[in-house]
Protein backbone atom coordinates (compact mmCIF):
# COMPACT_ATOMS: atom_id res chain seq x y z
CA MET A 1 105.53 110.60 106.32
CA ILE A 2 102.20 109.60 107.84
CA ARG A 3 99.58 112.29 108.12
CA ASN A 4 96.90 112.43 110.76
CA THR A 5 94.58 114.50 108.59
CA LEU A 6 93.39 113.63 105.11
CA ASN A 7 93.90 115.96 102.20
CA GLU A 8 90.32 116.99 101.43
CA GLU A 9 91.33 118.38 98.02
CA LEU A 10 92.64 114.94 97.10
CA MET A 11 89.43 113.29 98.31
CA GLU A 12 87.35 115.62 96.11
CA LYS A 13 89.21 114.32 93.04
CA ALA A 14 88.38 110.70 93.91
CA SER A 15 85.17 108.88 93.07
CA ILE A 16 83.68 107.01 96.04
CA GLU A 17 80.84 104.50 96.03
CA PHE A 18 79.62 101.75 98.34
CA THR A 19 78.77 98.22 97.21
CA LYS A 20 78.33 95.96 100.20
CA PRO A 21 80.70 95.07 101.88
CA TYR A 22 83.30 97.37 100.25
CA HIS A 23 83.75 101.06 99.71
CA LYS A 24 85.27 101.57 96.28
CA ILE A 25 87.51 104.57 95.74
CA GLU A 26 88.59 105.37 92.18
CA TYR A 27 91.44 107.75 91.50
CA ARG A 28 93.65 108.46 88.49
CA PHE A 29 97.27 109.59 88.61
CA LYS A 30 97.43 111.50 85.32
CA GLU A 31 100.10 112.39 82.80
CA LEU A 32 103.06 110.47 84.08
CA ASN A 33 105.78 109.71 81.61
CA ALA A 34 106.33 105.98 81.08
CA ILE A 35 109.46 105.88 83.26
CA ASN A 36 107.80 107.60 86.24
CA GLY A 37 104.73 105.36 85.89
CA ALA A 38 106.85 102.20 86.05
CA ASP A 39 108.94 103.65 88.89
CA PHE A 40 105.79 104.49 90.82
CA LEU A 41 104.48 100.91 90.46
CA ASN A 42 107.86 99.54 91.58
CA HIS A 43 107.89 101.85 94.63
CA ILE A 44 104.41 100.75 95.62
CA ALA A 45 105.20 97.06 95.17
CA GLY A 46 108.37 97.43 97.22
CA ASN A 47 106.63 99.45 99.92
CA TYR A 48 103.86 96.89 100.44
CA ALA A 49 105.64 93.59 99.61
CA LEU A 50 107.11 93.04 103.06
CA ASN A 51 103.79 93.12 104.90
CA PHE A 52 101.06 92.26 102.38
CA LYS A 53 100.33 89.96 99.47
CA VAL A 54 101.34 91.66 96.22
CA GLU A 55 100.45 90.37 92.75
CA THR A 56 102.10 91.74 89.65
CA SER A 57 101.06 90.84 86.14
CA ALA A 58 99.44 93.26 83.72
CA HIS A 59 98.70 95.42 86.77
CA LEU A 60 99.61 95.69 90.44
CA LYS A 61 97.26 94.29 93.08
CA VAL A 62 97.95 94.58 96.80
CA TYR A 63 95.88 92.73 99.42
CA TYR A 64 95.80 94.02 102.99
CA PRO A 65 93.62 93.05 105.99
CA ASN A 66 90.68 95.39 105.26
CA GLY A 67 90.61 95.00 101.47
CA TRP A 68 92.83 95.52 98.45
CA PHE A 69 93.84 98.00 95.78
CA ASP A 70 94.51 97.55 92.10
CA ILE A 71 96.61 99.84 89.88
CA ARG A 72 96.58 99.63 86.09
CA MET A 73 98.85 101.60 83.79
CA GLN A 74 97.10 103.04 80.72
CA GLU A 75 98.90 104.72 77.84
CA GLU A 76 97.38 108.11 77.02
CA ALA A 77 99.80 109.18 74.28
CA GLN A 78 103.36 108.41 73.28
CA ASN A 79 105.47 108.25 76.49
CA VAL A 80 102.55 109.57 78.58
CA VAL A 81 100.64 107.21 80.84
CA SER A 82 98.06 107.44 83.55
CA LEU A 83 97.59 105.07 86.45
CA GLN A 84 94.07 103.99 87.34
CA LEU A 85 93.74 103.20 91.05
CA ASP A 86 90.80 101.26 92.49
CA ILE A 87 90.71 100.78 96.27
CA TYR A 88 88.25 98.32 97.83
CA ASP A 89 88.09 98.69 101.60
CA LYS A 90 85.54 97.66 104.22
CA THR A 91 86.13 100.93 106.09
CA LEU A 92 85.87 104.21 104.18
CA LEU A 93 88.35 106.00 106.45
CA GLU A 94 91.00 103.30 105.92
CA GLY A 95 90.41 103.42 102.16
CA LYS A 96 90.94 107.19 102.22
CA ARG A 97 94.12 106.73 104.25
CA THR A 98 95.39 104.22 101.69
CA LEU A 99 94.71 106.75 98.92
CA GLN A 100 96.56 109.42 100.91
CA GLN A 101 99.56 107.12 101.41
CA LEU A 102 99.70 106.31 97.68
CA GLU A 103 99.44 110.00 96.77
CA ASP A 104 102.23 110.82 99.26
CA LEU A 105 104.43 108.19 97.55
CA HIS A 106 103.53 109.71 94.18
CA GLN A 107 104.48 113.22 95.34
CA GLN A 108 107.73 111.94 96.84
CA LEU A 109 108.66 110.21 93.57
CA LEU A 110 107.87 113.37 91.59
CA LYS A 111 109.99 115.43 93.97
CA TYR A 112 113.06 113.21 93.60
CA SER A 113 112.69 112.48 89.90
CA ALA A 114 112.75 116.24 89.16
CA ASN A 115 116.29 116.50 90.58
């Protein structure tokens, strides 16, 4: 589902700064259990792998025409992880849209993993 409007509440939770030539957006997906965190990374990799360069090692890095994003899984407690997302985009609006798309994937995964 692609939205035409950005979720302003989501944008308020993100940290945004500008270091020429990129806008950097930091966001954290919190308190995922280890299985959902790994599933989320797999969904993202699969969603972007057909059209963009995707690197997987200790973290997931996806390059697209305007920039890239990097997601690192960090263990908070036993079986609880958070995902640190850093988006580097030359256009702030496109960076925000990328964040919105990743959050939509996150919400979709949570919806179907609850069933």
